[in-house]
Amino acid sequence: MRTVRFELLRPGEIVAERERCPVIYLPIGPLEWHSLHLPVGTDALNAETVARRVAAEVGGVALPTFFWGTERERSPQMLRDIGLQEQSYIVGMDFPANIIPSLYCREEFFALFVREMLDRVIRLGYRLVVIVNGHGAANHLETLRRLATEFTATTPARVLLTVAFPMNYDFQFGIGHADAAETSVMMAIHPESVDLTQLPPLDQPLRNADWAIVDGDTFRGRPSADRTVSEGADPRRHASAAEGQRMLDATVQEISAIVRAALAELG
């Protein structure tokens, strides 16, 4: 087998690999604002890298990356925590200061797109479909979780939902948005797409509302008093390719273990 990328394989190679290891990976994430220093494809590019690495390690093939995702309006409490006006209508990370909007799709369309893809690959004869998701929005995750449950219950295949970040990791402030964690991952896989000079100098505060960078503590309802990014999650101070590689390695190890266990159950 030359590659784990489905789109580069000939039909006979697809059949041979499916017979050897009947698993297919769907990397998924939106084209979304990740401040000025990161590419809009951050979530999906992370999922893509993880999916291909797990396929290479465990077996199976990875579908072309699905650059789609959904978001909902922020609650008044979340808007207050971020430092935005609580009466505002703001979807996802599309803050007023951003210079372009994200390419989110509506939740109902997102569900239809994913449903169609799952139906197609199960018709191809795959017994295990692994969604590798790079986006953390609650409604996005719930849509994927619902579809995974439905297709597992109603088709001959099993559909697993995994997340392209490690669940057991010692990162101090957790995973946020466009923070040190996500910036580190992009520095590891696409360093040419990261430009920290787009952010203000270190002596200037990194306000959530100004840059659409939000740390994990703020997402969990524990914002800083001045609504700035926590020091430990500041990408200007703590992002590195080495840290990103360590996170990727941990993620690949975790998902590989999940896939191996699922394949063992399928016999």
Protein backbone atom coordinates (compact mmCIF):
# COMPACT_ATOMS: atom_id res chain seq x y z
CA MET A 1 0.00 0.00 0.00
CA ARG A 2 1.52 3.35 -1.05
CA THR A 3 -0.48 5.70 1.14
CA VAL A 4 -3.28 5.86 3.68
CA ARG A 5 -5.02 8.62 1.70
CA PHE A 6 -8.21 7.24 0.18
CA GLU A 7 -8.22 9.69 -2.73
CA LEU A 8 -4.77 8.55 -3.91
CA LEU A 9 -5.58 4.84 -3.99
CA ARG A 10 -6.71 2.80 -6.97
CA PRO A 11 -9.88 0.70 -6.56
CA GLY A 12 -7.97 -2.56 -6.15
CA GLU A 13 -5.81 -1.03 -3.45
CA ILE A 14 -8.87 0.22 -1.60
CA VAL A 15 -10.42 -3.25 -1.64
CA ALA A 16 -7.20 -4.93 -0.54
CA GLU A 17 -6.69 -2.58 2.39
CA ARG A 18 -10.35 -2.83 3.41
CA GLU A 19 -10.03 -6.62 3.51
CA ARG A 20 -6.89 -6.34 5.60
CA CYS A 21 -8.23 -3.70 7.98
CA PRO A 22 -11.88 -2.62 7.53
CA VAL A 23 -11.54 0.84 9.10
CA ILE A 24 -11.88 4.26 7.49
CA TYR A 25 -11.20 7.64 9.12
CA LEU A 26 -13.12 10.87 8.54
CA PRO A 27 -11.14 13.96 9.64
CA ILE A 28 -13.47 16.90 10.14
CA GLY A 29 -13.45 20.54 11.23
CA PRO A 30 -14.65 23.95 10.05
CA LEU A 31 -12.88 26.78 8.29
CA GLU A 32 -12.94 29.06 11.31
CA TRP A 33 -11.37 32.26 12.56
CA HIS A 34 -8.34 31.41 14.71
CA SER A 35 -7.16 34.94 15.35
CA LEU A 36 -4.66 36.62 13.05
CA HIS A 37 -1.73 34.30 13.72
CA LEU A 38 -3.24 30.92 12.73
CA PRO A 39 -4.81 29.50 9.54
CA VAL A 40 -8.59 29.24 9.28
CA GLY A 41 -8.25 25.49 8.71
CA THR A 42 -6.59 24.85 12.10
CA ASP A 43 -9.23 22.44 13.46
CA ALA A 44 -9.51 20.37 10.31
CA LEU A 45 -5.75 20.33 9.62
CA ASN A 46 -5.13 19.00 13.10
CA ALA A 47 -7.78 16.29 12.58
CA GLU A 48 -6.26 15.44 9.20
CA THR A 49 -2.79 14.90 10.64
CA VAL A 50 -4.10 12.76 13.48
CA ALA A 51 -6.31 10.65 11.20
CA ARG A 52 -3.49 9.90 8.76
CA ARG A 53 -1.04 9.07 11.53
CA VAL A 54 -3.49 6.68 13.22
CA ALA A 55 -4.24 5.03 9.86
CA ALA A 56 -0.52 4.55 9.25
CA GLU A 57 -0.03 3.07 12.71
CA VAL A 58 -3.13 0.89 13.09
CA GLY A 59 -4.32 0.31 9.52
CA GLY A 60 -7.12 1.50 7.33
CA VAL A 61 -7.45 4.57 5.13
CA ALA A 62 -8.24 8.24 5.71
CA LEU A 63 -10.87 10.07 3.70
CA PRO A 64 -10.19 13.54 2.29
CA THR A 65 -10.50 16.09 5.07
CA PHE A 66 -14.03 17.40 5.55
CA PHE A 67 -13.65 21.17 5.97
CA TRP A 68 -17.07 21.74 7.47
CA GLY A 69 -18.40 22.44 10.93
CA THR A 70 -21.17 24.18 12.80
CA GLU A 71 -21.54 26.62 15.69
CA ARG A 72 -24.31 28.24 17.72
CA GLU A 73 -24.87 31.64 19.26
CA ARG A 74 -22.98 32.36 22.47
CA SER A 75 -24.95 32.47 25.72
CA PRO A 76 -25.10 35.76 27.69
CA GLN A 77 -22.94 34.21 30.41
CA MET A 78 -20.27 33.11 27.94
CA LEU A 79 -20.29 36.54 26.31
CA ARG A 80 -19.72 38.14 29.72
CA ASP A 81 -16.89 35.73 30.48
CA ILE A 82 -15.20 36.53 27.18
CA GLY A 83 -15.63 40.28 27.63
CA LEU A 84 -18.32 40.91 25.03
CA GLN A 85 -21.72 42.57 25.37
CA GLU A 86 -24.11 39.98 26.76
CA GLN A 87 -27.01 41.16 24.60
CA SER A 88 -24.99 40.61 21.39
CA TYR A 89 -25.79 37.90 18.87
CA ILE A 90 -22.42 36.26 18.24
CA VAL A 91 -22.01 32.84 16.64
CA GLY A 92 -19.00 30.76 17.60
CA MET A 93 -15.73 32.67 17.33
CA ASP A 94 -17.02 35.38 15.00
CA PHE A 95 -16.34 38.31 17.31
CA PRO A 96 -17.03 41.89 16.17
CA ALA A 97 -13.31 42.76 15.91
CA ASN A 98 -12.56 39.95 13.42
CA ILE A 99 -11.73 41.06 9.88
CA ILE A 100 -13.42 38.07 8.18
CA PRO A 101 -16.18 35.63 9.25
CA SER A 102 -15.81 31.90 9.65
CA LEU A 103 -17.32 29.52 7.10
CA TYR A 104 -19.63 27.73 9.51
CA CYS A 105 -22.63 25.94 8.10
CA ARG A 106 -26.03 25.58 9.70
CA GLU A 107 -26.42 22.68 12.08
CA GLU A 108 -29.11 20.99 10.00
CA PHE A 109 -26.95 21.08 6.85
CA PHE A 110 -23.93 19.84 8.74
CA ALA A 111 -25.89 16.82 9.94
CA LEU A 112 -27.02 16.04 6.39
CA PHE A 113 -23.48 16.33 4.98
CA VAL A 114 -22.04 13.97 7.59
CA ARG A 115 -24.98 11.57 7.30
CA GLU A 116 -24.43 11.26 3.56
CA MET A 117 -20.72 10.58 3.95
CA LEU A 118 -21.30 7.93 6.62
CA ASP A 119 -23.89 6.24 4.42
CA ARG A 120 -21.53 6.17 1.43
CA VAL A 121 -18.52 4.69 3.23
CA ILE A 122 -20.62 2.05 4.98
CA ARG A 123 -21.96 1.03 1.57
CA LEU A 124 -18.32 0.56 0.54
CA GLY A 125 -18.12 -2.24 3.08
CA TYR A 126 -16.25 -0.65 5.98
CA ARG A 127 -17.06 -2.15 9.34
CA LEU A 128 -15.53 0.62 11.45
CA VAL A 129 -15.79 4.34 10.72
CA VAL A 130 -13.72 6.63 12.94
CA ILE A 131 -14.69 10.29 12.95
CA VAL A 132 -11.62 12.32 13.94
CA ASN A 133 -13.04 15.66 14.99
CA GLY A 134 -10.98 18.80 15.48
CA HIS A 135 -13.72 21.24 16.56
CA GLY A 136 -15.05 21.71 20.10
CA ALA A 137 -18.44 23.42 19.71
CA ALA A 138 -21.11 21.72 21.79
CA ASN A 139 -23.71 21.53 19.02
CA HIS A 140 -21.10 20.31 16.51
CA LEU A 141 -20.05 17.52 18.88
CA GLU A 142 -23.62 16.60 19.75
CA THR A 143 -24.53 16.31 16.06
CA LEU A 144 -21.61 13.95 15.45
CA ARG A 145 -22.36 11.97 18.60
CA ARG A 146 -25.99 11.53 17.61
CA LEU A 147 -25.09 10.31 14.13
CA ALA A 148 -22.44 7.93 15.46
CA THR A 149 -24.99 6.40 17.83
CA GLU A 150 -27.65 6.10 15.12
CA PHE A 151 -25.42 4.54 12.46
CA THR A 152 -23.92 2.11 14.97
CA ALA A 153 -27.40 0.97 15.97
CA THR A 154 -28.94 0.78 12.49
CA THR A 155 -26.18 -0.38 10.12
CA PRO A 156 -23.70 -3.27 9.97
CA ALA A 157 -20.88 -0.84 10.85
CA ARG A 158 -19.70 0.75 14.06
CA VAL A 159 -19.09 4.52 14.05
CA LEU A 160 -16.71 5.99 16.62
CA LEU A 161 -16.42 9.68 17.47
CA THR A 162 -12.93 10.71 18.56
CA VAL A 163 -11.39 14.13 19.23
CA ALA A 164 -8.08 15.26 17.77
CA PHE A 165 -6.71 16.37 21.13
CA PRO A 166 -5.43 14.18 23.98
CA MET A 167 -7.88 13.51 26.78
CA ASN A 168 -5.15 12.68 29.33
CA TYR A 169 -2.67 15.51 29.10
CA ASP A 170 -0.84 17.75 31.53
CA PHE A 171 -1.37 21.03 29.67
CA GLN A 172 -1.76 23.62 32.43
CA PHE A 173 -4.81 25.52 31.18
CA GLY A 174 -6.49 22.88 29.04
CA ILE A 175 -7.37 23.33 25.39
CA GLY A 176 -8.76 26.69 24.35
CA HIS A 177 -9.16 28.46 21.03
CA ALA A 178 -6.17 29.85 19.11
CA ASP A 179 -4.27 29.60 22.40
CA ALA A 180 -0.84 28.15 23.15
CA ALA A 181 -2.12 24.58 22.67
CA GLU A 182 -3.64 25.04 19.21
CA THR A 183 -0.77 27.27 18.15
CA SER A 184 1.73 24.61 19.21
CA VAL A 185 -0.01 21.96 17.13
CA MET A 186 0.03 24.20 14.05
CA MET A 187 3.71 24.98 14.63
CA ALA A 188 4.38 21.24 14.59
CA ILE A 189 2.44 20.36 11.43
CA HIS A 190 2.23 23.57 9.37
CA PRO A 191 4.86 25.99 10.72
CA GLU A 192 4.71 28.06 7.56
CA SER A 193 1.12 29.00 8.38
CA VAL A 194 1.84 30.42 11.86
CA ASP A 195 2.87 34.06 12.32
CA LEU A 196 3.05 35.23 15.93
CA THR A 197 4.12 38.70 14.80
CA GLN A 198 0.46 39.27 13.91
CA LEU A 199 -0.28 39.43 17.65
CA PRO A 200 0.50 42.45 19.86
CA PRO A 201 3.84 42.75 21.68
CA LEU A 202 4.24 40.95 24.99
CA ASP A 203 3.82 44.13 27.00
CA GLN A 204 0.28 44.53 25.68
CA PRO A 205 -2.66 42.49 27.05
CA LEU A 206 -4.21 39.78 24.90
CA ARG A 207 -7.90 40.48 25.34
CA ASN A 208 -10.32 37.73 24.35
CA ALA A 209 -12.72 40.11 22.62
CA ASP A 210 -10.01 41.84 20.59
CA TRP A 211 -8.25 38.76 19.24
CA ALA A 212 -10.79 35.91 19.55
CA ILE A 213 -8.26 33.92 21.56
CA VAL A 214 -9.91 32.17 24.50
CA ASP A 215 -8.26 29.87 27.03
CA GLY A 216 -9.79 26.71 28.42
CA ASP A 217 -10.47 28.24 31.84
CA THR A 218 -12.66 30.93 30.30
CA PHE A 219 -14.65 28.36 28.32
CA ARG A 220 -15.22 26.52 31.61
CA GLY A 221 -16.59 29.65 33.31
CA ARG A 222 -13.41 30.78 35.06
CA PRO A 223 -12.32 33.91 33.16
CA SER A 224 -9.60 36.27 34.29
CA ALA A 225 -10.78 39.47 35.95
CA ASP A 226 -9.71 41.63 33.00
CA ARG A 227 -10.94 39.15 30.35
CA THR A 228 -7.49 38.51 28.96
CA VAL A 229 -5.89 35.21 27.98
CA SER A 230 -4.31 33.44 30.95
CA GLU A 231 -0.53 33.70 31.02
CA GLY A 232 0.02 29.97 30.63
CA ALA A 233 -2.25 29.79 27.58
CA ASP A 234 -0.75 32.84 25.85
CA PRO A 235 0.57 31.66 22.44
CA ARG A 236 3.17 34.44 22.41
CA ARG A 237 4.79 32.99 25.52
CA HIS A 238 4.22 29.25 25.54
CA ALA A 239 3.59 27.93 22.01
CA SER A 240 6.28 25.69 20.48
CA ALA A 241 6.58 23.03 17.80
CA ALA A 242 8.00 20.63 20.40
CA GLU A 243 4.92 21.02 22.60
CA GLY A 244 2.68 20.57 19.57
CA GLN A 245 4.47 17.37 18.59
CA ARG A 246 4.10 16.05 22.12
CA MET A 247 0.37 16.72 22.01
CA LEU A 248 0.02 15.07 18.61
CA ASP A 249 1.92 11.99 19.77
CA ALA A 250 -0.35 11.68 22.82
CA THR A 251 -3.48 12.06 20.69
CA VAL A 252 -2.36 9.46 18.14
CA GLN A 253 -1.51 7.03 20.92
CA GLU A 254 -4.91 7.45 22.58
CA ILE A 255 -6.97 7.13 19.40
CA SER A 256 -4.86 4.20 18.16
CA ALA A 257 -5.68 2.34 21.37
CA ILE A 258 -9.40 3.06 20.91
CA VAL A 259 -9.36 1.83 17.31
CA ARG A 260 -7.41 -1.33 18.15
CA ALA A 261 -9.90 -2.15 20.90
CA ALA A 262 -12.83 -1.61 18.53
CA LEU A 263 -11.26 -3.79 15.85
CA ALA A 264 -10.65 -6.53 18.40
CA GLU A 265 -14.33 -6.43 19.38
CA LEU A 266 -15.32 -6.73 15.74
CA GLY A 267 -13.09 -9.75 15.40
